[in-house]
């Protein structure tokens, strides 16, 4: 068997991020850094990597509590949520009142069943969903919602398959969702 030289090891180390993009993301990304799809995806995957550090249920629950605190994992309207594939929210950093609530049939003002779309995106290994949702920073959008981009990914915690996600409200014309929301269909165009 050949021995790996230092040059070979360095070359393999340099190629590792390209072959394994989840490990390439900035592990120090914060909720405040989320400004586009790429940073949103990296934020969700960084949360998964962080949650994966838990080796006991107590450690996992402590991490979830960190997700609730304004700072690295929660900033304004960017936060982490966790649900099960049937659409029930089991953790929501911004609104603990909806934990235990099944959101499967919830839809935006255009009829996009965003929970179903996010669960489907996670089932495919992770993906984006565009929909309309009440933006706490905008007064008067409670009925119609504002454009939002969500990202959901699969995860398994202590033998339970879950969906981990987050979202952001685009602020620039280049990233904004149009007034019509078509869920994941639009994201595939």
Foldseek 3Di string as FASTA:
>chain_A
DDDDDPVNVVVVVVCVCVVPVLVVADLQAFQVNDAADVSFVNLQSSLQVVLVVDPDPVVNVVSLQVQLDDDRADDQQWGKWKFALQQATQGDSPDPPRHRPRLQCDAAPQRHSQSNLQSVQQVVAKDKWWHFAARPVDPPCHRHGAIKIKMWHWDADPNGIMIMMIIDAHDDPVRHDPSHGDICVVVVD
